[in-house]
C-alpha atoms as a PDB file:
ATOM      1  CA  MET A   1     -16.605 -14.583   2.414  1.00  0.00           C
ATOM      2  CA  ALA A   2     -15.927 -13.889  -1.418  1.00  0.00           C
ATOM      3  CA  LYS A   3     -16.458 -10.139  -1.039  1.00  0.00           C
ATOM      4  CA  LYS A   4     -13.349  -9.938   1.402  1.00  0.00           C
ATOM      5  CA  GLU A   5     -10.998 -12.195  -0.628  1.00  0.00           C
ATOM      6  CA  SER A   6     -11.827  -9.697  -3.882  1.00  0.00           C
ATOM      7  CA  LYS A   7     -10.938  -6.913  -1.359  1.00  0.00           C
ATOM      8  CA  VAL A   8      -7.651  -8.446  -0.567  1.00  0.00           C
ATOM      9  CA  LYS A   9      -7.056  -9.121  -4.367  1.00  0.00           C
ATOM     10  CA  ILE A  10      -7.640  -5.520  -5.141  1.00  0.00           C
ATOM     11  CA  GLY A  11      -5.413  -4.600  -2.240  1.00  0.00           C
ATOM     12  CA  TRP A  12      -2.610  -6.473  -3.529  1.00  0.00           C
ATOM     13  CA  ARG A  13      -2.949  -5.220  -6.935  1.00  0.00           C
ATOM     14  CA  PHE A  14      -2.906  -1.763  -5.371  1.00  0.00           C
ATOM     15  CA  HIS A  15      -0.025  -2.620  -3.260  1.00  0.00           C
ATOM     16  CA  ARG A  16       2.054  -3.989  -6.428  1.00  0.00           C
ATOM     17  CA  LYS A  17       1.378  -0.609  -8.254  1.00  0.00           C
ATOM     18  CA  HIS A  18       2.523   1.151  -5.058  1.00  0.00           C
ATOM     19  CA  ILE A  19       5.826  -0.756  -4.855  1.00  0.00           C
ATOM     20  CA  GLU A  20       6.639   0.100  -8.414  1.00  0.00           C
ATOM     21  CA  ALA A  21       5.798   3.688  -7.549  1.00  0.00           C
ATOM     22  CA  LEU A  22       7.998   3.817  -4.463  1.00  0.00           C
ATOM     23  CA  GLU A  23      10.885   2.204  -6.566  1.00  0.00           C
ATOM     24  CA  GLN A  24      10.513   5.034  -9.173  1.00  0.00           C
ATOM     25  CA  LEU A  25      10.501   7.646  -6.161  1.00  0.00           C
ATOM     26  CA  SER A  26      13.553   6.148  -4.424  1.00  0.00           C
ATOM     27  CA  LYS A  27      15.489   6.481  -7.751  1.00  0.00           C
ATOM     28  CA  LYS A  28      14.894  10.068  -7.721  1.00  0.00           C
ATOM     29  CA  ASP A  29      16.002  10.090  -3.837  1.00  0.00           C
ATOM     30  CA  ASP A  30      12.532  11.503  -2.804  1.00  0.00           C
ATOM     31  CA  VAL A  31      12.395   9.593   0.538  1.00  0.00           C
ATOM     32  CA  PRO A  32      10.227  12.039   2.385  1.00  0.00           C
ATOM     33  CA  MET A  33       7.747  11.870  -0.560  1.00  0.00           C
ATOM     34  CA  ALA A  34       8.112   8.006  -0.620  1.00  0.00           C
ATOM     35  CA  ARG A  35       7.395   7.936   3.190  1.00  0.00           C
ATOM     36  CA  HIS A  36       4.219   9.780   2.835  1.00  0.00           C
ATOM     37  CA  VAL A  37       2.906   7.740  -0.173  1.00  0.00           C
ATOM     38  CA  ASP A  38       3.437   4.734   2.388  1.00  0.00           C
ATOM     39  CA  LYS A  39       1.750   5.940   5.130  1.00  0.00           C
ATOM     40  CA  ALA A  40      -1.336   7.262   2.891  1.00  0.00           C
ATOM     41  CA  LEU A  41      -1.472   3.610   1.552  1.00  0.00           C
ATOM     42  CA  GLU A  42      -1.395   2.066   4.734  1.00  0.00           C
ATOM     43  CA  GLN A  43      -4.344   4.113   6.080  1.00  0.00           C
ATOM     44  CA  TYR A  44      -6.185   3.269   2.665  1.00  0.00           C
ATOM     45  CA  LEU A  45      -5.749  -0.359   2.966  1.00  0.00           C
ATOM     46  CA  MET A  46      -6.637  -0.218   6.921  1.00  0.00           C
ATOM     47  CA  SER A  47      -9.921   1.701   6.023  1.00  0.00           C
ATOM     48  CA  GLN A  48     -10.796  -0.917   3.269  1.00  0.00           C
ATOM     49  CA  GLY A  49     -10.267  -3.670   5.960  1.00  0.00           C
ATOM     50  CA  VAL A  50      -7.329  -5.196   3.688  1.00  0.00           C
ATOM     51  CA  LEU A  51      -4.509  -4.330   6.301  1.00  0.00           C
ATOM     52  CA  HIS A  52      -4.920  -5.258   9.725  1.00  0.00           C
ATOM     53  CA  SER A  53      -1.656  -4.198  11.279  1.00  0.00           C
ATOM     54  CA  ALA A  54       0.809  -1.290  10.792  1.00  0.00           C
ATOM     55  CA  ASN A  55       3.486  -3.618  12.357  1.00  0.00           C
ATOM     56  CA  GLY A  56       3.136  -6.324   9.237  1.00  0.00           C
ATOM     57  CA  ASP A  57       6.658  -5.741   7.823  1.00  0.00           C
END
């Protein structure tokens, strides 16, 4: 069980960096790129077993 918790911790750290990156992109009005990065992050987290549903938000 400890292994899964560390995955979640890593996932959230990664997610926080991702949010910061998205904020930078949104300042540049690069919305298509931001959507692409969001999709890639979603697929990565699902593959790591951190994210279980694409409809979380």
